[in-house]
PDB file of all heavy atoms in Angstrom:
ATOM      1  N   ALA A   1      86.538 100.262 104.123  1.00  0.00           N
ATOM      2  CA  ALA A   1      85.513  99.906 105.109  1.00  0.00           C
ATOM      3  C   ALA A   1      86.035  98.935 106.160  1.00  0.00           C
ATOM      4  O   ALA A   1      85.278  98.541 107.061  1.00  0.00           O
ATOM      5  CB  ALA A   1      84.298  99.306 104.398  1.00  0.00           C
ATOM      6  N   GLN A   2      87.315  98.554 106.017  1.00  0.00           N
ATOM      7  CA  GLN A   2      87.974  97.633 106.941  1.00  0.00           C
ATOM      8  C   GLN A   2      87.261  96.276 107.015  1.00  0.00           C
ATOM      9  O   GLN A   2      87.202  95.635 108.072  1.00  0.00           O
ATOM     10  CB  GLN A   2      88.097  98.257 108.335  1.00  0.00           C
ATOM     11  CG  GLN A   2      88.914  99.543 108.340  1.00  0.00           C
ATOM     12  CD  GLN A   2      89.213 100.051 109.740  1.00  0.00           C
ATOM     13  OE1 GLN A   2      88.927  99.381 110.728  1.00  0.00           O
ATOM     14  NE2 GLN A   2      89.785 101.238 109.830  1.00  0.00           N
ATOM     15  N   LYS A   3      86.769  95.827 105.881  1.00  0.00           N
ATOM     16  CA  LYS A   3      86.165  94.488 105.795  1.00  0.00           C
ATOM     17  C   LYS A   3      87.245  93.503 105.348  1.00  0.00           C
ATOM     18  O   LYS A   3      87.259  93.008 104.229  1.00  0.00           O
ATOM     19  CB  LYS A   3      84.986  94.515 104.826  1.00  0.00           C
ATOM     20  CG  LYS A   3      83.845  95.420 105.281  1.00  0.00           C
ATOM     21  CD  LYS A   3      82.681  95.396 104.300  1.00  0.00           C
ATOM     22  CE  LYS A   3      81.542  96.294 104.790  1.00  0.00           C
ATOM     23  NZ  LYS A   3      80.379  96.300 103.853  1.00  0.00           N
ATOM     24  N   PHE A   4      88.157  93.245 106.265  1.00  0.00           N
ATOM     25  CA  PHE A   4      89.342  92.470 105.938  1.00  0.00           C
ATOM     26  C   PHE A   4      89.031  91.007 105.630  1.00  0.00           C
ATOM     27  O   PHE A   4      89.709  90.390 104.811  1.00  0.00           O
ATOM     28  CB  PHE A   4      90.354  92.566 107.085  1.00  0.00           C
ATOM     29  CG  PHE A   4      90.689  93.980 107.471  1.00  0.00           C
ATOM     30  CD1 PHE A   4      90.578  94.413 108.781  1.00  0.00           C
ATOM     31  CD2 PHE A   4      91.110  94.888 106.504  1.00  0.00           C
ATOM     32  CE1 PHE A   4      90.890  95.715 109.128  1.00  0.00           C
ATOM     33  CE2 PHE A   4      91.428  96.204 106.841  1.00  0.00           C
ATOM     34  CZ  PHE A   4      91.308  96.611 108.156  1.00  0.00           C
ATOM     35  N   ASP A   5      88.020  90.450 106.284  1.00  0.00           N
ATOM     36  CA  ASP A   5      87.680  89.049 106.050  1.00  0.00           C
ATOM     37  C   ASP A   5      87.256  88.814 104.603  1.00  0.00           C
ATOM     38  O   ASP A   5      87.626  87.803 103.990  1.00  0.00           O
ATOM     39  CB  ASP A   5      86.554  88.605 106.991  1.00  0.00           C
ATOM     40  CG  ASP A   5      87.018  88.528 108.442  1.00  0.00           C
ATOM     41  OD1 ASP A   5      88.254  88.435 108.647  1.00  0.00           O
ATOM     42  OD2 ASP A   5      86.162  88.575 109.348  1.00  0.00           O
ATOM     43  N   GLU A   6      86.473  89.751 104.051  1.00  0.00           N
ATOM     44  CA  GLU A   6      86.008  89.591 102.674  1.00  0.00           C
ATOM     45  C   GLU A   6      87.182  89.679 101.692  1.00  0.00           C
ATOM     46  O   GLU A   6      87.190  88.995 100.661  1.00  0.00           O
ATOM     47  CB  GLU A   6      84.968  90.666 102.346  1.00  0.00           C
ATOM     48  CG  GLU A   6      83.669  90.520 103.150  1.00  0.00           C
ATOM     49  CD  GLU A   6      82.619  91.522 102.709  1.00  0.00           C
ATOM     50  OE1 GLU A   6      82.489  91.742 101.489  1.00  0.00           O
ATOM     51  OE2 GLU A   6      81.936  92.101 103.584  1.00  0.00           O
ATOM     52  N   ILE A   7      88.152  90.521 102.028  1.00  0.00           N
ATOM     53  CA  ILE A   7      89.338  90.621 101.167  1.00  0.00           C
ATOM     54  C   ILE A   7      90.151  89.334 101.257  1.00  0.00           C
ATOM     55  O   ILE A   7      90.589  88.779 100.240  1.00  0.00           O
ATOM     56  CB  ILE A   7      90.201  91.833 101.568  1.00  0.00           C
ATOM     57  CG1 ILE A   7      89.427  93.134 101.373  1.00  0.00           C
ATOM     58  CG2 ILE A   7      91.496  91.863 100.744  1.00  0.00           C
ATOM     59  CD1 ILE A   7      90.162  94.372 101.843  1.00  0.00           C
ATOM     60  N   GLU A   8      90.354  88.836 102.474  1.00  0.00           N
ATOM     61  CA  GLU A   8      91.144  87.621 102.669  1.00  0.00           C
ATOM     62  C   GLU A   8      90.533  86.428 101.938  1.00  0.00           C
ATOM     63  O   GLU A   8      91.257  85.566 101.428  1.00  0.00           O
ATOM     64  CB  GLU A   8      91.278  87.311 104.163  1.00  0.00           C
ATOM     65  CG  GLU A   8      92.229  88.238 104.891  1.00  0.00           C
ATOM     66  CD  GLU A   8      92.529  87.765 106.308  1.00  0.00           C
ATOM     67  OE1 GLU A   8      92.853  86.563 106.466  1.00  0.00           O
ATOM     68  OE2 GLU A   8      92.435  88.575 107.244  1.00  0.00           O
ATOM     69  N   ASN A   9      89.217  86.376 101.882  1.00  0.00           N
ATOM     70  CA  ASN A   9      88.554  85.257 101.202  1.00  0.00           C
ATOM     71  C   ASN A   9      88.904  85.202  99.719  1.00  0.00           C
ATOM     72  O   ASN A   9      88.891  84.119  99.119  1.00  0.00           O
ATOM     73  CB  ASN A   9      87.032  85.366 101.365  1.00  0.00           C
ATOM     74  CG  ASN A   9      86.578  85.073 102.779  1.00  0.00           C
ATOM     75  OD1 ASN A   9      87.275  84.392 103.532  1.00  0.00           O
ATOM     76  ND2 ASN A   9      85.429  85.607 103.158  1.00  0.00           N
ATOM     77  N   ASP A  10      89.218  86.375  99.124  1.00  0.00           N
ATOM     78  CA  ASP A  10      89.493  86.420  97.682  1.00  0.00           C
ATOM     79  C   ASP A  10      90.980  86.517  97.355  1.00  0.00           C
ATOM     80  O   ASP A  10      91.344  86.639  96.183  1.00  0.00           O
ATOM     81  CB  ASP A  10      88.760  87.615  97.047  1.00  0.00           C
ATOM     82  CG  ASP A  10      87.262  87.372  96.960  1.00  0.00           C
ATOM     83  OD1 ASP A  10      86.827  86.237  97.232  1.00  0.00           O
ATOM     84  OD2 ASP A  10      86.535  88.319  96.617  1.00  0.00           O
ATOM     85  N   ILE A  11      91.830  86.474  98.363  1.00  0.00           N
ATOM     86  CA  ILE A  11      93.267  86.496  98.096  1.00  0.00           C
ATOM     87  C   ILE A  11      93.701  85.143  97.549  1.00  0.00           C
ATOM     88  O   ILE A  11      93.290  84.089  98.052  1.00  0.00           O
ATOM     89  CB  ILE A  11      94.060  86.862  99.368  1.00  0.00           C
ATOM     90  CG1 ILE A  11      93.794  88.322  99.741  1.00  0.00           C
ATOM     91  CG2 ILE A  11      95.556  86.638  99.169  1.00  0.00           C
ATOM     92  CD1 ILE A  11      94.496  88.786 100.992  1.00  0.00           C
ATOM     93  N   ASP A  12      94.535  85.176  96.522  1.00  0.00           N
ATOM     94  CA  ASP A  12      94.967  83.952  95.863  1.00  0.00           C
ATOM     95  C   ASP A  12      95.719  83.044  96.852  1.00  0.00           C
ATOM     96  O   ASP A  12      96.501  83.522  97.678  1.00  0.00           O
ATOM     97  CB  ASP A  12      95.877  84.297  94.683  1.00  0.00           C
ATOM     98  CG  ASP A  12      96.080  83.131  93.750  1.00  0.00           C
ATOM     99  OD1 ASP A  12      95.174  82.872  92.933  1.00  0.00           O
ATOM    100  OD2 ASP A  12      97.148  82.482  93.830  1.00  0.00           O
ATOM    101  N   PRO A  13      95.467  81.728  96.785  1.00  0.00           N
ATOM    102  CA  PRO A  13      96.141  80.792  97.700  1.00  0.00           C
ATOM    103  C   PRO A  13      97.658  80.894  97.683  1.00  0.00           C
ATOM    104  O   PRO A  13      98.312  80.703  98.710  1.00  0.00           O
ATOM    105  CB  PRO A  13      95.673  79.422  97.190  1.00  0.00           C
ATOM    106  CG  PRO A  13      94.354  79.690  96.542  1.00  0.00           C
ATOM    107  CD  PRO A  13      94.485  81.052  95.935  1.00  0.00           C
ATOM    108  N   SER A  14      98.237  81.202  96.527  1.00  0.00           N
ATOM    109  CA  SER A  14      99.697  81.322  96.449  1.00  0.00           C
ATOM    110  C   SER A  14     100.209  82.472  97.304  1.00  0.00           C
ATOM    111  O   SER A  14     101.327  82.415  97.840  1.00  0.00           O
ATOM    112  CB  SER A  14     100.128  81.521  94.992  1.00  0.00           C
ATOM    113  OG  SER A  14      99.595  82.726  94.465  1.00  0.00           O
ATOM    114  N   ILE A  15      99.404  83.536  97.442  1.00  0.00           N
ATOM    115  CA  ILE A  15      99.785  84.664  98.287  1.00  0.00           C
ATOM    116  C   ILE A  15      99.610  84.308  99.761  1.00  0.00           C
ATOM    117  O   ILE A  15     100.439  84.678 100.605  1.00  0.00           O
ATOM    118  CB  ILE A  15      98.950  85.911  97.944  1.00  0.00           C
ATOM    119  CG1 ILE A  15      99.055  86.237  96.447  1.00  0.00           C
ATOM    120  CG2 ILE A  15      99.373  87.100  98.794  1.00  0.00           C
ATOM    121  CD1 ILE A  15     100.460  86.546  95.986  1.00  0.00           C
ATOM    122  N   LYS A  16      98.558  83.579 100.079  1.00  0.00           N
ATOM    123  CA  LYS A  16      98.312  83.195 101.467  1.00  0.00           C
ATOM    124  C   LYS A  16      99.435  82.318 102.014  1.00  0.00           C
ATOM    125  O   LYS A  16      99.789  82.410 103.195  1.00  0.00           O
ATOM    126  CB  LYS A  16      96.978  82.452 101.569  1.00  0.00           C
ATOM    127  CG  LYS A  16      95.757  83.333 101.338  1.00  0.00           C
ATOM    128  CD  LYS A  16      94.473  82.529 101.476  1.00  0.00           C
ATOM    129  CE  LYS A  16      93.260  83.421 101.257  1.00  0.00           C
ATOM    130  NZ  LYS A  16      91.983  82.656 101.375  1.00  0.00           N
ATOM    131  N   LEU A  17     100.016  81.497 101.170  1.00  0.00           N
ATOM    132  CA  LEU A  17     101.106  80.628 101.619  1.00  0.00           C
ATOM    133  C   LEU A  17     102.348  81.427 101.997  1.00  0.00           C
ATOM    134  O   LEU A  17     103.120  81.013 102.876  1.00  0.00           O
ATOM    135  CB  LEU A  17     101.457  79.625 100.517  1.00  0.00           C
ATOM    136  CG  LEU A  17     100.414  78.538 100.222  1.00  0.00           C
ATOM    137  CD1 LEU A  17     100.840  77.711  99.012  1.00  0.00           C
ATOM    138  CD2 LEU A  17     100.223  77.635 101.438  1.00  0.00           C
ATOM    139  N   LYS A  18     102.541  82.584 101.330  1.00  0.00           N
ATOM    140  CA  LYS A  18     103.736  83.396 101.587  1.00  0.00           C
ATOM    141  C   LYS A  18     103.540  84.370 102.743  1.00  0.00           C
ATOM    142  O   LYS A  18     104.522  84.865 103.309  1.00  0.00           O
ATOM    143  CB  LYS A  18     104.108  84.182 100.333  1.00  0.00           C
ATOM    144  CG  LYS A  18     104.431  83.323  99.121  1.00  0.00           C
ATOM    145  CD  LYS A  18     104.710  84.189  97.900  1.00  0.00           C
ATOM    146  CE  LYS A  18     104.946  83.350  96.661  1.00  0.00           C
ATOM    147  NZ  LYS A  18     105.170  84.174  95.443  1.00  0.00           N
ATOM    148  N   SER A  19     102.307  84.674 103.106  1.00  0.00           N
ATOM    149  CA  SER A  19     102.030  85.681 104.124  1.00  0.00           C
ATOM    150  C   SER A  19     101.735  85.018 105.461  1.00  0.00           C
ATOM    151  O   SER A  19     100.927  84.085 105.543  1.00  0.00           O
ATOM    152  CB  SER A  19     100.849  86.556 103.704  1.00  0.00           C
ATOM    153  OG  SER A  19     101.124  87.196 102.466  1.00  0.00           O
ATOM    154  N   THR A  20     102.379  85.511 106.517  1.00  0.00           N
ATOM    155  CA  THR A  20     102.181  84.938 107.848  1.00  0.00           C
ATOM    156  C   THR A  20     101.013  85.573 108.594  1.00  0.00           C
ATOM    157  O   THR A  20     100.355  84.918 109.386  1.00  0.00           O
ATOM    158  CB  THR A  20     103.466  85.113 108.682  1.00  0.00           C
ATOM    159  OG1 THR A  20     103.815  86.512 108.721  1.00  0.00           O
ATOM    160  CG2 THR A  20     104.621  84.320 108.063  1.00  0.00           C
ATOM    161  N   ASN A  21     100.756  86.846 108.324  1.00  0.00           N
ATOM    162  CA  ASN A  21      99.680  87.528 109.031  1.00  0.00           C
ATOM    163  C   ASN A  21      98.982  88.506 108.093  1.00  0.00           C
ATOM    164  O   ASN A  21      99.299  89.704 108.066  1.00  0.00           O
ATOM    165  CB  ASN A  21     100.227  88.261 110.259  1.00  0.00           C
ATOM    166  CG  ASN A  21      99.119  88.666 111.226  1.00  0.00           C
ATOM    167  OD1 ASN A  21      97.962  88.852 110.835  1.00  0.00           O
ATOM    168  ND2 ASN A  21      99.468  88.798 112.504  1.00  0.00           N
ATOM    169  N   LEU A  22      98.035  88.007 107.318  1.00  0.00           N
ATOM    170  CA  LEU A  22      97.335  88.841 106.345  1.00  0.00           C
ATOM    171  C   LEU A  22      96.494  89.921 107.019  1.00  0.00           C
ATOM    172  O   LEU A  22      96.424  91.053 106.546  1.00  0.00           O
ATOM    173  CB  LEU A  22      96.438  87.965 105.461  1.00  0.00           C
ATOM    174  CG  LEU A  22      97.130  87.209 104.330  1.00  0.00           C
ATOM    175  CD1 LEU A  22      96.146  86.270 103.647  1.00  0.00           C
ATOM    176  CD2 LEU A  22      97.723  88.174 103.319  1.00  0.00           C
ATOM    177  N   ASP A  23      95.853  89.573 108.123  1.00  0.00           N
ATOM    178  CA  ASP A  23      94.982  90.535 108.803  1.00  0.00           C
ATOM    179  C   ASP A  23      95.776  91.750 109.259  1.00  0.00           C
ATOM    180  O   ASP A  23      95.340  92.900 109.081  1.00  0.00           O
ATOM    181  CB  ASP A  23      94.303  89.862 109.992  1.00  0.00           C
ATOM    182  CG  ASP A  23      93.306  90.791 110.671  1.00  0.00           C
ATOM    183  OD1 ASP A  23      92.210  91.000 110.103  1.00  0.00           O
ATOM    184  OD2 ASP A  23      93.630  91.321 111.738  1.00  0.00           O
ATOM    185  N   GLN A  24      96.947  91.526 109.822  1.00  0.00           N
ATOM    186  CA  GLN A  24      97.778  92.641 110.280  1.00  0.00           C
ATOM    187  C   GLN A  24      98.254  93.493 109.101  1.00  0.00           C
ATOM    188  O   GLN A  24      98.297  94.726 109.193  1.00  0.00           O
ATOM    189  CB  GLN A  24      98.980  92.089 111.050  1.00  0.00           C
ATOM    190  CG  GLN A  24      99.875  93.165 111.631  1.00  0.00           C
ATOM    191  CD  GLN A  24     101.027  92.584 112.432  1.00  0.00           C
ATOM    192  OE1 GLN A  24     101.048  91.400 112.733  1.00  0.00           O
ATOM    193  NE2 GLN A  24     101.996  93.434 112.764  1.00  0.00           N
ATOM    194  N   THR A  25      98.608  92.837 107.991  1.00  0.00           N
ATOM    195  CA  THR A  25      99.046  93.569 106.798  1.00  0.00           C
ATOM    196  C   THR A  25      97.933  94.436 106.251  1.00  0.00           C
ATOM    197  O   THR A  25      98.148  95.608 105.905  1.00  0.00           O
ATOM    198  CB  THR A  25      99.523  92.590 105.720  1.00  0.00           C
ATOM    199  OG1 THR A  25     100.596  91.798 106.228  1.00  0.00           O
ATOM    200  CG2 THR A  25      99.987  93.334 104.486  1.00  0.00           C
ATOM    201  N   LEU A  26      96.730  93.897 106.172  1.00  0.00           N
ATOM    202  CA  LEU A  26      95.591  94.649 105.654  1.00  0.00           C
ATOM    203  C   LEU A  26      95.235  95.823 106.563  1.00  0.00           C
ATOM    204  O   LEU A  26      94.879  96.911 106.091  1.00  0.00           O
ATOM    205  CB  LEU A  26      94.386  93.722 105.479  1.00  0.00           C
ATOM    206  CG  LEU A  26      94.494  92.682 104.366  1.00  0.00           C
ATOM    207  CD1 LEU A  26      93.321  91.701 104.417  1.00  0.00           C
ATOM    208  CD2 LEU A  26      94.549  93.358 102.991  1.00  0.00           C
ATOM    209  N   ARG A  27      95.353  95.624 107.874  1.00  0.00           N
ATOM    210  CA  ARG A  27      95.073  96.714 108.809  1.00  0.00           C
ATOM    211  C   ARG A  27      96.094  97.847 108.647  1.00  0.00           C
ATOM    212  O   ARG A  27      95.746  99.032 108.725  1.00  0.00           O
ATOM    213  CB  ARG A  27      95.078  96.191 110.248  1.00  0.00           C
ATOM    214  CG  ARG A  27      93.878  95.311 110.570  1.00  0.00           C
ATOM    215  CD  ARG A  27      93.882  94.825 112.007  1.00  0.00           C
ATOM    216  NE  ARG A  27      92.768  93.930 112.248  1.00  0.00           N
ATOM    217  CZ  ARG A  27      91.524  94.323 112.545  1.00  0.00           C
ATOM    218  NH1 ARG A  27      91.261  95.626 112.648  1.00  0.00           N
ATOM    219  NH2 ARG A  27      90.570  93.440 112.750  1.00  0.00           N
ATOM    220  N   ALA A  28      97.350  97.489 108.423  1.00  0.00           N
ATOM    221  CA  ALA A  28      98.376  98.505 108.209  1.00  0.00           C
ATOM    222  C   ALA A  28      98.125  99.269 106.915  1.00  0.00           C
ATOM    223  O   ALA A  28      98.352 100.488 106.850  1.00  0.00           O
ATOM    224  CB  ALA A  28      99.751  97.839 108.182  1.00  0.00           C
ATOM    225  N   MET A  29      97.656  98.570 105.883  1.00  0.00           N
ATOM    226  CA  MET A  29      97.329  99.229 104.620  1.00  0.00           C
ATOM    227  C   MET A  29      96.160 100.193 104.799  1.00  0.00           C
ATOM    228  O   MET A  29      96.193 101.332 104.304  1.00  0.00           O
ATOM    229  CB  MET A  29      96.998  98.176 103.555  1.00  0.00           C
ATOM    230  CG  MET A  29      98.196  97.382 103.073  1.00  0.00           C
ATOM    231  SD  MET A  29      97.725  95.908 102.106  1.00  0.00           S
ATOM    232  CE  MET A  29      96.665  96.621 100.846  1.00  0.00           C
ATOM    233  N   ALA A  30      95.136  99.746 105.512  1.00  0.00           N
ATOM    234  CA  ALA A  30      93.957 100.595 105.716  1.00  0.00           C
ATOM    235  C   ALA A  30      94.305 101.834 106.533  1.00  0.00           C
ATOM    236  O   ALA A  30      93.718 102.911 106.331  1.00  0.00           O
ATOM    237  CB  ALA A  30      92.860  99.796 106.410  1.00  0.00           C
ATOM    238  N   ALA A  31      95.271 101.711 107.441  1.00  0.00           N
ATOM    239  CA  ALA A  31      95.658 102.843 108.289  1.00  0.00           C
ATOM    240  C   ALA A  31      96.319 103.959 107.483  1.00  0.00           C
ATOM    241  O   ALA A  31      96.365 105.113 107.940  1.00  0.00           O
ATOM    242  CB  ALA A  31      96.594 102.367 109.390  1.00  0.00           C
ATOM    243  N   GLN A  32      96.841 103.626 106.304  1.00  0.00           N
ATOM    244  CA  GLN A  32      97.483 104.643 105.471  1.00  0.00           C
ATOM    245  C   GLN A  32      96.485 105.445 104.650  1.00  0.00           C
ATOM    246  O   GLN A  32      96.872 106.436 104.006  1.00  0.00           O
ATOM    247  CB  GLN A  32      98.493 103.972 104.530  1.00  0.00           C
ATOM    248  CG  GLN A  32      99.644 103.300 105.237  1.00  0.00           C
ATOM    249  CD  GLN A  32     100.719 102.864 104.266  1.00  0.00           C
ATOM    250  OE1 GLN A  32     101.427 103.690 103.679  1.00  0.00           O
ATOM    251  NE2 GLN A  32     100.846 101.572 104.084  1.00  0.00           N
ATOM    252  N   MET A  33      95.226 105.033 104.659  1.00  0.00           N
ATOM    253  CA  MET A  33      94.203 105.741 103.900  1.00  0.00           C
ATOM    254  C   MET A  33      93.403 106.650 104.829  1.00  0.00           C
ATOM    255  O   MET A  33      92.808 106.180 105.801  1.00  0.00           O
ATOM    256  CB  MET A  33      93.276 104.746 103.197  1.00  0.00           C
ATOM    257  CG  MET A  33      93.997 103.830 102.231  1.00  0.00           C
ATOM    258  SD  MET A  33      92.862 102.830 101.244  1.00  0.00           S
ATOM    259  CE  MET A  33      92.058 104.103 100.258  1.00  0.00           C
ATOM    260  N   PRO A  34      93.381 107.957 104.564  1.00  0.00           N
ATOM    261  CA  PRO A  34      92.633 108.878 105.422  1.00  0.00           C
ATOM    262  C   PRO A  34      91.141 108.570 105.421  1.00  0.00           C
ATOM    263  O   PRO A  34      90.605 107.980 104.473  1.00  0.00           O
ATOM    264  CB  PRO A  34      92.909 110.245 104.778  1.00  0.00           C
ATOM    265  CG  PRO A  34      94.143 110.055 103.963  1.00  0.00           C
ATOM    266  CD  PRO A  34      94.081 108.639 103.477  1.00  0.00           C
ATOM    267  N   ALA A  35      90.495 108.973 106.481  1.00  0.00           N
ATOM    268  CA  ALA A  35      89.043 108.789 106.560  1.00  0.00           C
ATOM    269  C   ALA A  35      88.343 109.770 105.623  1.00  0.00           C
ATOM    270  O   ALA A  35      88.878 110.818 105.275  1.00  0.00           O
ATOM    271  CB  ALA A  35      88.586 109.007 108.001  1.00  0.00           C
ATOM    272  N   GLY A  36      87.149 109.428 105.210  1.00  0.00           N
ATOM    273  CA  GLY A  36      86.375 110.300 104.346  1.00  0.00           C
ATOM    274  C   GLY A  36      86.596 110.007 102.877  1.00  0.00           C
ATOM    275  O   GLY A  36      87.420 109.162 102.495  1.00  0.00           O
ATOM    276  N   GLN A  37      85.853 110.717 102.063  1.00  0.00           N
ATOM    277  CA  GLN A  37      85.912 110.509 100.625  1.00  0.00           C
ATOM    278  C   GLN A  37      87.088 111.280 100.007  1.00  0.00           C
ATOM    279  O   GLN A  37      87.381 112.400 100.421  1.00  0.00           O
ATOM    280  CB  GLN A  37      84.605 110.973  99.970  1.00  0.00           C
ATOM    281  CG  GLN A  37      83.397 110.140 100.353  1.00  0.00           C
ATOM    282  CD  GLN A  37      83.540 108.693  99.912  1.00  0.00           C
ATOM    283  OE1 GLN A  37      83.959 108.413  98.784  1.00  0.00           O
ATOM    284  NE2 GLN A  37      83.191 107.772 100.804  1.00  0.00           N
ATOM    285  N   PRO A  38      87.753 110.698  99.033  1.00  0.00           N
ATOM    286  CA  PRO A  38      88.854 111.411  98.369  1.00  0.00           C
ATOM    287  C   PRO A  38      88.331 112.533  97.490  1.00  0.00           C
ATOM    288  O   PRO A  38      87.195 112.503  97.024  1.00  0.00           O
ATOM    289  CB  PRO A  38      89.519 110.313  97.533  1.00  0.00           C
ATOM    290  CG  PRO A  38      88.420 109.335  97.262  1.00  0.00           C
ATOM    291  CD  PRO A  38      87.555 109.341  98.487  1.00  0.00           C
ATOM    292  N   LEU A  39      89.187 113.530  97.270  1.00  0.00           N
ATOM    293  CA  LEU A  39      88.819 114.636  96.388  1.00  0.00           C
ATOM    294  C   LEU A  39      88.768 114.175  94.930  1.00  0.00           C
ATOM    295  O   LEU A  39      87.966 114.670  94.137  1.00  0.00           O
ATOM    296  CB  LEU A  39      89.824 115.789  96.537  1.00  0.00           C
ATOM    297  CG  LEU A  39      89.932 116.417  97.928  1.00  0.00           C
ATOM    298  CD1 LEU A  39      91.005 117.497  97.929  1.00  0.00           C
ATOM    299  CD2 LEU A  39      88.587 116.992  98.354  1.00  0.00           C
TER     300      LEU A  39
END
């Protein structure tokens, strides 16, 4: 659903310290998932 803010809120602080741009990473991940429901 591309609700990246809600995902970022629950990412562990240790991961946030290592990641420079979480929003961009999440958008790239979402782009790999086709639209619509899976079979």
